[in-house]
Amino acid sequence: MRCNMRRHKSDPAREQRIEMEIVADAYDAEERARVWYSYLEEKLAFPFTAYCIRKRVISPLRVGDDVEVIGMAPGDECQHEMFVMMRWEKDGLAVPLAQLKAETSARARTDAGGGR
């Protein structure tokens, strides 16, 4: 069975930078996931506000939902895809990082002036 996943537009320069600077020394998929996880954990400034850009069956979020991202999900949850933790009830909930886009001050100003 083949999975039909939407992908971001290809950005060769970005892909090359990731390959050469971030995961260059990783030898297998598991090690690449660990290196990528560590890079994101170091570079992302938590907490931050984001909004959902696509619906996923594994997530309760709907397109346009705003969330507060509070950290990376546990590493063992990120072996095949990166997940971040969002505020959700008592314990938080892991959602796919690819499902979110960080809030920008321009979007926040637009929302304050009458919504999206």
Protein backbone atom coordinates (compact mmCIF):
# COMPACT_ATOMS: atom_id res chain seq x y z
CA MET A 1 0.00 0.00 0.00
CA ARG A 2 1.39 3.38 -0.96
CA CYS A 3 0.98 6.43 1.26
CA ASN A 4 0.06 9.68 -0.46
CA MET A 5 1.78 12.45 1.51
CA ARG A 6 1.90 16.10 0.54
CA ARG A 7 5.40 17.46 0.49
CA HIS A 8 6.76 20.98 0.63
CA LYS A 9 8.14 22.40 -2.58
CA SER A 10 11.65 21.14 -3.12
CA ASP A 11 14.36 23.61 -2.16
CA PRO A 12 17.67 22.19 -3.41
CA ALA A 13 19.78 24.75 -1.52
CA ARG A 14 18.00 23.98 1.75
CA GLU A 15 18.25 20.23 1.20
CA GLN A 16 21.98 20.51 0.45
CA ARG A 17 22.57 22.62 3.58
CA ILE A 18 20.77 20.02 5.70
CA GLU A 19 22.80 17.21 4.13
CA MET A 20 26.16 18.97 4.39
CA GLU A 21 25.83 20.81 7.70
CA ILE A 22 23.41 18.87 9.87
CA VAL A 23 23.34 15.16 9.02
CA ALA A 24 26.62 14.82 7.11
CA ASP A 25 28.20 12.40 9.59
CA ALA A 26 25.12 10.23 10.17
CA TYR A 27 25.51 6.70 8.82
CA ASP A 28 21.98 5.31 8.92
CA ALA A 29 18.36 6.44 9.26
CA GLU A 30 18.32 6.08 13.05
CA GLU A 31 21.44 8.18 13.46
CA ARG A 32 20.10 10.79 10.99
CA ALA A 33 16.93 11.05 13.08
CA ARG A 34 18.95 11.55 16.29
CA VAL A 35 21.15 14.22 14.70
CA TRP A 36 18.17 16.06 13.17
CA TYR A 37 16.33 15.87 16.51
CA SER A 38 19.31 17.34 18.38
CA TYR A 39 19.68 20.11 15.82
CA LEU A 40 16.01 21.11 16.10
CA GLU A 41 16.07 20.90 19.90
CA GLU A 42 19.04 23.27 19.95
CA LYS A 43 17.84 25.72 17.29
CA LEU A 44 14.12 26.08 18.00
CA ALA A 45 13.26 28.64 20.68
CA PHE A 46 10.50 27.17 22.85
CA PRO A 47 7.79 28.08 23.58
CA PHE A 48 6.47 29.55 20.33
CA THR A 49 3.11 29.99 18.70
CA ALA A 50 2.33 28.14 15.48
CA TYR A 51 -0.69 27.37 13.36
CA CYS A 52 -1.79 24.25 11.53
CA ILE A 53 -1.18 24.29 7.77
CA ARG A 54 -2.52 20.82 6.89
CA LYS A 55 -4.86 18.22 8.34
CA ARG A 56 -3.32 14.90 9.38
CA VAL A 57 -5.28 11.84 10.48
CA ILE A 58 -2.83 11.30 13.36
CA SER A 59 -3.51 14.74 14.83
CA PRO A 60 -6.58 16.50 16.23
CA LEU A 61 -5.54 19.83 14.68
CA ARG A 62 -7.48 21.45 11.86
CA VAL A 63 -6.09 23.86 9.29
CA GLY A 64 -5.83 27.30 10.88
CA ASP A 65 -5.76 26.10 14.51
CA ASP A 66 -3.32 28.05 16.68
CA VAL A 67 -1.15 26.13 19.15
CA GLU A 68 1.60 26.86 21.64
CA VAL A 69 4.60 24.62 20.96
CA ILE A 70 6.37 23.92 24.25
CA GLY A 71 9.19 21.58 23.24
CA MET A 72 10.32 18.58 21.25
CA ALA A 73 8.46 15.31 21.73
CA PRO A 74 10.46 12.50 23.34
CA GLY A 75 13.21 11.27 21.02
CA ASP A 76 11.77 7.77 20.69
CA GLU A 77 8.67 9.32 19.08
CA CYS A 78 10.81 11.02 16.42
CA GLN A 79 12.48 8.07 14.70
CA HIS A 80 10.60 8.52 11.40
CA GLU A 81 9.18 12.04 11.64
CA MET A 82 9.82 15.01 13.92
CA PHE A 83 7.12 15.73 16.50
CA VAL A 84 6.79 18.67 18.86
CA MET A 85 4.81 18.98 22.07
CA MET A 86 1.90 21.38 22.29
CA ARG A 87 -0.16 22.38 25.30
CA TRP A 88 -3.04 19.89 25.58
CA GLU A 89 -4.98 19.12 28.72
CA LYS A 90 -2.64 18.09 31.57
CA ASP A 91 0.29 16.38 29.85
CA GLY A 92 0.61 17.95 26.39
CA LEU A 93 0.30 16.25 23.02
CA ALA A 94 2.86 15.42 20.34
CA VAL A 95 1.97 16.63 16.83
CA PRO A 96 3.97 16.45 13.60
CA LEU A 97 6.28 19.45 13.21
CA ALA A 98 5.58 19.38 9.44
CA GLN A 99 1.92 20.09 10.21
CA LEU A 100 2.78 23.47 11.74
CA LYS A 101 4.06 26.84 10.64
CA ALA A 102 5.54 29.24 13.17
CA GLU A 103 3.46 32.32 13.86
CA THR A 104 4.92 35.53 12.48
CA SER A 105 4.36 39.04 13.74
CA ALA A 106 2.86 39.93 10.33
CA ARG A 107 0.22 37.18 10.66
CA ALA A 108 -0.49 38.19 14.24
CA ARG A 109 -1.08 41.79 13.10
CA THR A 110 -3.39 40.58 10.30
CA ASP A 111 -5.37 38.46 12.76
CA ALA A 112 -5.70 41.39 15.15
CA GLY A 113 -7.08 43.51 12.31
CA GLY A 114 -9.91 41.22 11.33
CA GLY A 115 -8.76 37.61 10.99
CA ARG A 116 -7.22 35.55 8.26
